[in-house]
Amino acid sequence: METPKTEHTTKRLVWNAGRMVGAKRALKPKQIWEIRFFLNQRRRLRDRALFDLAIDSKLRGCDLVQTKIGDIVSGGQIRTRAIVTQQKTGRPVQFELLPDARCSLLAWLDRRGGTVDDYVFPSRVDQKGHLSTRQYARLVDEWVTGVGLMRSEYGTHSLRRTKASIIYRATGNLRAVQILLGHSKIENTVRYLGIDVEDALALAENTEI
């Protein structure tokens, strides 16, 4: 008599087991200043410049770390407006650099040195290369946990979304935010900002005719 064969089923872990998924939260203005204070107190000049550029530029991490000095500097001064070509879409996107970002970037570049063809944030392993996106993500984790935020709720996309979300909440101008983020379709902007029916109704209620 044959012994019945036992079927062994191997359980595979789901890729996101134990992880929080979904869009990362944007930072609030108060949290932006808390992170700036955190970095200033620890004299992390590079990190402060990186943080400020991330907030103002609204760039994806892959574009942020590949920003070159010539992209943001002209005539020895930090530009008030800059333009870079997005790696994902191949399309140029413009962004503004406000006084806080210009000040921190100038302080960092005075220490960093380099030419217009060098990366703003070089790799510490290879000075000719740029800061990796993985290291950038680690730094963001340090910054948010340093001010008491949960690292699972924030990431590099939090910095990209932050100013865009603030502009949208203040103006309701979705088309302007689409341009600033460099999205090809406005539907992408709607999904990226996490706009829902409640947001739309709140904007409508605050608009008198």
C-alpha atoms as a PDB file:
ATOM      1  CA  MET A   1       0.000   0.000   0.000  1.00  0.00           C
ATOM      2  CA  GLU A   2       1.408   3.345  -1.036  1.00  0.00           C
ATOM      3  CA  THR A   3       1.922   6.041   1.521  1.00  0.00           C
ATOM      4  CA  PRO A   4       0.060   9.159   0.432  1.00  0.00           C
ATOM      5  CA  LYS A   5       2.383  11.968  -0.600  1.00  0.00           C
ATOM      6  CA  THR A   6       2.363  15.008   1.571  1.00  0.00           C
ATOM      7  CA  GLU A   7       2.159  18.267  -0.230  1.00  0.00           C
ATOM      8  CA  HIS A   8       4.468  20.880   1.159  1.00  0.00           C
ATOM      9  CA  THR A   9       3.397  24.425   0.541  1.00  0.00           C
ATOM     10  CA  THR A  10       6.018  27.110   0.975  1.00  0.00           C
ATOM     11  CA  LYS A  11       4.616  30.340   2.313  1.00  0.00           C
ATOM     12  CA  ARG A  12       6.087  33.336   0.602  1.00  0.00           C
ATOM     13  CA  LEU A  13       6.215  36.615   2.465  1.00  0.00           C
ATOM     14  CA  VAL A  14       4.263  39.421   0.890  1.00  0.00           C
ATOM     15  CA  TRP A  15       6.676  42.130  -0.323  1.00  0.00           C
ATOM     16  CA  ASN A  16       5.090  44.795   1.878  1.00  0.00           C
ATOM     17  CA  ALA A  17       4.609  42.661   4.990  1.00  0.00           C
ATOM     18  CA  GLY A  18       5.017  44.807   8.057  1.00  0.00           C
ATOM     19  CA  ARG A  19       5.439  47.968   6.015  1.00  0.00           C
ATOM     20  CA  MET A  20       3.191  50.955   5.788  1.00  0.00           C
ATOM     21  CA  VAL A  21       2.239  51.506   2.158  1.00  0.00           C
ATOM     22  CA  GLY A  22       0.585  54.405   0.390  1.00  0.00           C
ATOM     23  CA  ALA A  23       1.549  58.005  -0.213  1.00  0.00           C
ATOM     24  CA  LYS A  24       3.955  59.531   2.265  1.00  0.00           C
ATOM     25  CA  ARG A  25       2.731  62.548   4.161  1.00  0.00           C
ATOM     26  CA  ALA A  26       3.749  66.044   3.169  1.00  0.00           C
ATOM     27  CA  LEU A  27       5.407  68.151   5.837  1.00  0.00           C
ATOM     28  CA  LYS A  28       3.563  71.013   7.485  1.00  0.00           C
ATOM     29  CA  PRO A  29       5.176  74.480   7.713  1.00  0.00           C
ATOM     30  CA  LYS A  30       5.840  74.008  11.445  1.00  0.00           C
ATOM     31  CA  GLN A  31       7.615  70.715  10.746  1.00  0.00           C
ATOM     32  CA  ILE A  32       9.751  72.338   8.043  1.00  0.00           C
ATOM     33  CA  TRP A  33      11.068  74.857  10.544  1.00  0.00           C
ATOM     34  CA  GLU A  34      11.594  72.159  13.165  1.00  0.00           C
ATOM     35  CA  ILE A  35      13.819  70.223  10.759  1.00  0.00           C
ATOM     36  CA  ARG A  36      15.715  73.383   9.808  1.00  0.00           C
ATOM     37  CA  PHE A  37      16.311  74.120  13.499  1.00  0.00           C
ATOM     38  CA  PHE A  38      17.392  70.508  14.079  1.00  0.00           C
ATOM     39  CA  LEU A  39      19.962  70.703  11.268  1.00  0.00           C
ATOM     40  CA  ASN A  40      21.199  74.168  12.236  1.00  0.00           C
ATOM     41  CA  GLN A  41      21.809  73.142  15.832  1.00  0.00           C
ATOM     42  CA  ARG A  42      23.939  70.230  14.673  1.00  0.00           C
ATOM     43  CA  ARG A  43      25.747  72.400  12.110  1.00  0.00           C
ATOM     44  CA  ARG A  44      24.840  70.044   9.294  1.00  0.00           C
ATOM     45  CA  LEU A  45      25.455  72.561   6.549  1.00  0.00           C
ATOM     46  CA  ARG A  46      25.186  70.116   3.666  1.00  0.00           C
ATOM     47  CA  ASP A  47      21.997  68.554   5.000  1.00  0.00           C
ATOM     48  CA  ARG A  48      20.369  71.957   5.527  1.00  0.00           C
ATOM     49  CA  ALA A  49      21.168  72.938   1.929  1.00  0.00           C
ATOM     50  CA  LEU A  50      19.901  69.573   0.654  1.00  0.00           C
ATOM     51  CA  PHE A  51      16.688  69.882   2.641  1.00  0.00           C
ATOM     52  CA  ASP A  52      16.015  73.442   1.461  1.00  0.00           C
ATOM     53  CA  LEU A  53      16.695  72.557  -2.170  1.00  0.00           C
ATOM     54  CA  ALA A  54      14.398  69.524  -1.912  1.00  0.00           C
ATOM     55  CA  ILE A  55      11.542  71.638  -0.525  1.00  0.00           C
ATOM     56  CA  ASP A  56      11.829  74.511  -3.010  1.00  0.00           C
ATOM     57  CA  SER A  57      12.667  72.473  -6.110  1.00  0.00           C
ATOM     58  CA  LYS A  58       9.976  69.821  -5.620  1.00  0.00           C
ATOM     59  CA  LEU A  59      12.256  67.459  -7.556  1.00  0.00           C
ATOM     60  CA  ARG A  60      12.226  63.688  -7.443  1.00  0.00           C
ATOM     61  CA  GLY A  61      15.111  62.246  -5.454  1.00  0.00           C
ATOM     62  CA  CYS A  62      16.889  60.993  -8.585  1.00  0.00           C
ATOM     63  CA  ASP A  63      16.871  64.510 -10.068  1.00  0.00           C
ATOM     64  CA  LEU A  64      17.713  66.247  -6.803  1.00  0.00           C
ATOM     65  CA  VAL A  65      20.918  64.299  -6.169  1.00  0.00           C
ATOM     66  CA  GLN A  66      22.048  64.851  -9.776  1.00  0.00           C
ATOM     67  CA  THR A  67      21.654  68.627  -9.636  1.00  0.00           C
ATOM     68  CA  LYS A  68      24.876  70.325 -10.723  1.00  0.00           C
ATOM     69  CA  ILE A  69      26.331  73.562  -9.443  1.00  0.00           C
ATOM     70  CA  GLY A  70      25.793  75.169 -12.840  1.00  0.00           C
ATOM     71  CA  ASP A  71      22.055  74.416 -12.572  1.00  0.00           C
ATOM     72  CA  ILE A  72      21.606  76.673  -9.569  1.00  0.00           C
ATOM     73  CA  VAL A  73      24.524  79.139  -9.751  1.00  0.00           C
ATOM     74  CA  SER A  74      25.036  82.082 -12.103  1.00  0.00           C
ATOM     75  CA  GLY A  75      27.723  84.742 -11.763  1.00  0.00           C
ATOM     76  CA  GLY A  76      28.753  83.505  -8.351  1.00  0.00           C
ATOM     77  CA  GLN A  77      25.213  83.848  -6.984  1.00  0.00           C
ATOM     78  CA  ILE A  78      22.449  81.323  -6.377  1.00  0.00           C
ATOM     79  CA  ARG A  79      19.754  81.729  -9.006  1.00  0.00           C
ATOM     80  CA  THR A  80      16.288  82.851  -7.950  1.00  0.00           C
ATOM     81  CA  ARG A  81      14.914  80.480 -10.592  1.00  0.00           C
ATOM     82  CA  ALA A  82      16.498  77.313 -11.931  1.00  0.00           C
ATOM     83  CA  ILE A  83      15.676  74.683 -14.503  1.00  0.00           C
ATOM     84  CA  VAL A  84      16.614  71.001 -14.735  1.00  0.00           C
ATOM     85  CA  THR A  85      15.661  68.172 -17.067  1.00  0.00           C
ATOM     86  CA  GLN A  86      13.735  65.398 -15.359  1.00  0.00           C
ATOM     87  CA  GLN A  87      15.252  61.953 -15.643  1.00  0.00           C
ATOM     88  CA  LYS A  88      11.870  60.193 -15.647  1.00  0.00           C
ATOM     89  CA  THR A  89      10.157  62.263 -18.329  1.00  0.00           C
ATOM     90  CA  GLY A  90      13.052  63.889 -20.189  1.00  0.00           C
ATOM     91  CA  ARG A  91      11.208  67.200 -19.888  1.00  0.00           C
ATOM     92  CA  PRO A  92      12.565  70.382 -18.287  1.00  0.00           C
ATOM     93  CA  VAL A  93      10.991  71.720 -15.128  1.00  0.00           C
ATOM     94  CA  GLN A  94      11.515  75.114 -13.514  1.00  0.00           C
ATOM     95  CA  PHE A  95      11.545  75.961  -9.847  1.00  0.00           C
ATOM     96  CA  GLU A  96      12.092  78.928  -7.589  1.00  0.00           C
ATOM     97  CA  LEU A  97      14.750  79.269  -4.901  1.00  0.00           C
ATOM     98  CA  LEU A  98      13.631  81.456  -2.024  1.00  0.00           C
ATOM     99  CA  PRO A  99      15.988  83.400   0.310  1.00  0.00           C
ATOM    100  CA  ASP A 100      16.318  80.625   2.938  1.00  0.00           C
ATOM    101  CA  ALA A 101      17.337  78.083   0.299  1.00  0.00           C
ATOM    102  CA  ARG A 102      19.673  80.496  -1.472  1.00  0.00           C
ATOM    103  CA  CYS A 103      21.380  81.339   1.802  1.00  0.00           C
ATOM    104  CA  SER A 104      21.920  77.716   2.874  1.00  0.00           C
ATOM    105  CA  LEU A 105      23.030  76.649  -0.613  1.00  0.00           C
ATOM    106  CA  LEU A 106      25.544  79.496  -0.851  1.00  0.00           C
ATOM    107  CA  ALA A 107      26.963  78.632   2.580  1.00  0.00           C
ATOM    108  CA  TRP A 108      27.292  74.971   1.553  1.00  0.00           C
ATOM    109  CA  LEU A 109      28.903  75.731  -1.816  1.00  0.00           C
ATOM    110  CA  ASP A 110      31.390  78.121  -0.173  1.00  0.00           C
ATOM    111  CA  ARG A 111      32.577  75.151   1.866  1.00  0.00           C
ATOM    112  CA  ARG A 112      32.141  72.549  -0.846  1.00  0.00           C
ATOM    113  CA  GLY A 113      33.932  74.429  -3.671  1.00  0.00           C
ATOM    114  CA  GLY A 114      33.888  72.875  -7.133  1.00  0.00           C
ATOM    115  CA  THR A 115      33.042  73.955 -10.669  1.00  0.00           C
ATOM    116  CA  VAL A 116      29.773  74.432 -12.536  1.00  0.00           C
ATOM    117  CA  ASP A 117      30.103  70.890 -13.887  1.00  0.00           C
ATOM    118  CA  ASP A 118      30.306  69.315 -10.426  1.00  0.00           C
ATOM    119  CA  TYR A 119      27.363  67.940  -8.487  1.00  0.00           C
ATOM    120  CA  VAL A 120      25.986  70.128  -5.704  1.00  0.00           C
ATOM    121  CA  PHE A 121      26.003  67.145  -3.344  1.00  0.00           C
ATOM    122  CA  PRO A 122      28.935  64.841  -4.114  1.00  0.00           C
ATOM    123  CA  SER A 123      29.276  61.268  -2.986  1.00  0.00           C
ATOM    124  CA  ARG A 124      31.577  60.813  -0.008  1.00  0.00           C
ATOM    125  CA  VAL A 125      32.845  57.621  -1.609  1.00  0.00           C
ATOM    126  CA  ASP A 126      33.528  59.035  -5.067  1.00  0.00           C
ATOM    127  CA  GLN A 127      33.957  62.815  -5.203  1.00  0.00           C
ATOM    128  CA  LYS A 128      33.261  62.774  -8.940  1.00  0.00           C
ATOM    129  CA  GLY A 129      29.928  61.071  -8.362  1.00  0.00           C
ATOM    130  CA  HIS A 130      26.811  62.356  -6.666  1.00  0.00           C
ATOM    131  CA  LEU A 131      25.041  61.525  -3.423  1.00  0.00           C
ATOM    132  CA  SER A 132      23.042  58.331  -3.955  1.00  0.00           C
ATOM    133  CA  THR A 133      19.259  58.245  -3.720  1.00  0.00           C
ATOM    134  CA  ARG A 134      19.601  55.577  -1.046  1.00  0.00           C
ATOM    135  CA  GLN A 135      21.778  57.846   1.093  1.00  0.00           C
ATOM    136  CA  TYR A 136      19.340  60.703   0.505  1.00  0.00           C
ATOM    137  CA  ALA A 137      16.519  58.481   1.781  1.00  0.00           C
ATOM    138  CA  ARG A 138      18.578  57.596   4.879  1.00  0.00           C
ATOM    139  CA  LEU A 139      19.157  61.286   5.572  1.00  0.00           C
ATOM    140  CA  VAL A 140      15.437  62.041   5.311  1.00  0.00           C
ATOM    141  CA  ASP A 141      14.792  59.256   7.830  1.00  0.00           C
ATOM    142  CA  GLU A 142      17.288  60.911  10.203  1.00  0.00           C
ATOM    143  CA  TRP A 143      15.724  64.343   9.803  1.00  0.00           C
ATOM    144  CA  VAL A 144      12.119  63.302  10.410  1.00  0.00           C
ATOM    145  CA  THR A 145      12.913  61.037  13.367  1.00  0.00           C
ATOM    146  CA  GLY A 146      15.148  63.792  14.750  1.00  0.00           C
ATOM    147  CA  VAL A 147      12.090  66.008  15.215  1.00  0.00           C
ATOM    148  CA  GLY A 148       9.874  63.248  16.561  1.00  0.00           C
ATOM    149  CA  LEU A 149       8.055  62.164  13.392  1.00  0.00           C
ATOM    150  CA  MET A 150       7.474  58.534  12.400  1.00  0.00           C
ATOM    151  CA  ARG A 151       9.854  57.459   9.665  1.00  0.00           C
ATOM    152  CA  SER A 152       7.230  55.056   8.293  1.00  0.00           C
ATOM    153  CA  GLU A 153       4.971  58.008   7.448  1.00  0.00           C
ATOM    154  CA  TYR A 154       7.552  60.203   5.731  1.00  0.00           C
ATOM    155  CA  GLY A 155      10.107  59.786   2.969  1.00  0.00           C
ATOM    156  CA  THR A 156      11.815  61.546   0.084  1.00  0.00           C
ATOM    157  CA  HIS A 157       8.467  62.020  -1.661  1.00  0.00           C
ATOM    158  CA  SER A 158       7.260  63.893   1.419  1.00  0.00           C
ATOM    159  CA  LEU A 159       9.743  66.640   0.577  1.00  0.00           C
ATOM    160  CA  ARG A 160       8.696  66.658  -3.083  1.00  0.00           C
ATOM    161  CA  ARG A 161       5.023  66.911  -2.123  1.00  0.00           C
ATOM    162  CA  THR A 162       5.374  69.454   0.687  1.00  0.00           C
ATOM    163  CA  LYS A 163       5.437  72.798  -1.116  1.00  0.00           C
ATOM    164  CA  ALA A 164       3.096  71.559  -3.839  1.00  0.00           C
ATOM    165  CA  SER A 165       0.539  70.584  -1.182  1.00  0.00           C
ATOM    166  CA  ILE A 166       0.877  73.937   0.606  1.00  0.00           C
ATOM    167  CA  ILE A 167       0.402  75.836  -2.662  1.00  0.00           C
ATOM    168  CA  TYR A 168      -2.643  73.765  -3.558  1.00  0.00           C
ATOM    169  CA  ARG A 169      -4.247  74.220  -0.131  1.00  0.00           C
ATOM    170  CA  ALA A 170      -3.666  77.980  -0.323  1.00  0.00           C
ATOM    171  CA  THR A 171      -4.807  78.541  -3.897  1.00  0.00           C
ATOM    172  CA  GLY A 172      -6.726  75.523  -5.171  1.00  0.00           C
ATOM    173  CA  ASN A 173      -4.839  76.008  -8.444  1.00  0.00           C
ATOM    174  CA  LEU A 174      -4.265  72.449  -9.596  1.00  0.00           C
ATOM    175  CA  ARG A 175      -2.877  73.467 -12.992  1.00  0.00           C
ATOM    176  CA  ALA A 176      -0.142  75.567 -11.360  1.00  0.00           C
ATOM    177  CA  VAL A 177       0.845  72.653  -9.131  1.00  0.00           C
ATOM    178  CA  GLN A 178       0.913  70.334 -12.148  1.00  0.00           C
ATOM    179  CA  ILE A 179       3.413  72.651 -13.859  1.00  0.00           C
ATOM    180  CA  LEU A 180       5.567  72.955 -10.746  1.00  0.00           C
ATOM    181  CA  LEU A 181       5.742  69.173 -10.302  1.00  0.00           C
ATOM    182  CA  GLY A 182       6.434  68.603 -13.992  1.00  0.00           C
ATOM    183  CA  HIS A 183       3.520  66.203 -14.429  1.00  0.00           C
ATOM    184  CA  SER A 184       2.364  65.517 -17.981  1.00  0.00           C
ATOM    185  CA  LYS A 185      -1.240  64.846 -16.941  1.00  0.00           C
ATOM    186  CA  ILE A 186      -3.337  66.654 -14.370  1.00  0.00           C
ATOM    187  CA  GLU A 187      -4.762  63.280 -13.279  1.00  0.00           C
ATOM    188  CA  ASN A 188      -1.275  62.388 -12.038  1.00  0.00           C
ATOM    189  CA  THR A 189      -1.217  65.552  -9.952  1.00  0.00           C
ATOM    190  CA  VAL A 190      -4.603  64.747  -8.432  1.00  0.00           C
ATOM    191  CA  ARG A 191      -3.407  61.276  -7.422  1.00  0.00           C
ATOM    192  CA  TYR A 192      -0.047  62.554  -6.213  1.00  0.00           C
ATOM    193  CA  LEU A 193      -1.571  65.150  -3.919  1.00  0.00           C
ATOM    194  CA  GLY A 194      -4.180  62.690  -2.699  1.00  0.00           C
ATOM    195  CA  ILE A 195      -7.021  65.040  -3.529  1.00  0.00           C
ATOM    196  CA  ASP A 196     -10.424  63.604  -2.738  1.00  0.00           C
ATOM    197  CA  VAL A 197     -14.056  64.687  -2.657  1.00  0.00           C
ATOM    198  CA  GLU A 198     -13.668  66.278   0.788  1.00  0.00           C
ATOM    199  CA  ASP A 199     -10.829  68.474  -0.467  1.00  0.00           C
ATOM    200  CA  ALA A 200     -12.862  69.553  -3.479  1.00  0.00           C
ATOM    201  CA  LEU A 201     -15.914  70.388  -1.346  1.00  0.00           C
ATOM    202  CA  ALA A 202     -13.819  72.322   1.176  1.00  0.00           C
ATOM    203  CA  LEU A 203     -12.419  74.472  -1.628  1.00  0.00           C
ATOM    204  CA  ALA A 204     -15.894  75.016  -3.049  1.00  0.00           C
ATOM    205  CA  GLU A 205     -17.272  76.045   0.356  1.00  0.00           C
ATOM    206  CA  ASN A 206     -14.563  78.692   0.706  1.00  0.00           C
ATOM    207  CA  THR A 207     -15.305  80.182  -2.705  1.00  0.00           C
ATOM    208  CA  GLU A 208     -18.054  82.763  -2.732  1.00  0.00           C
ATOM    209  CA  ILE A 209     -19.685  83.924  -5.966  1.00  0.00           C
END
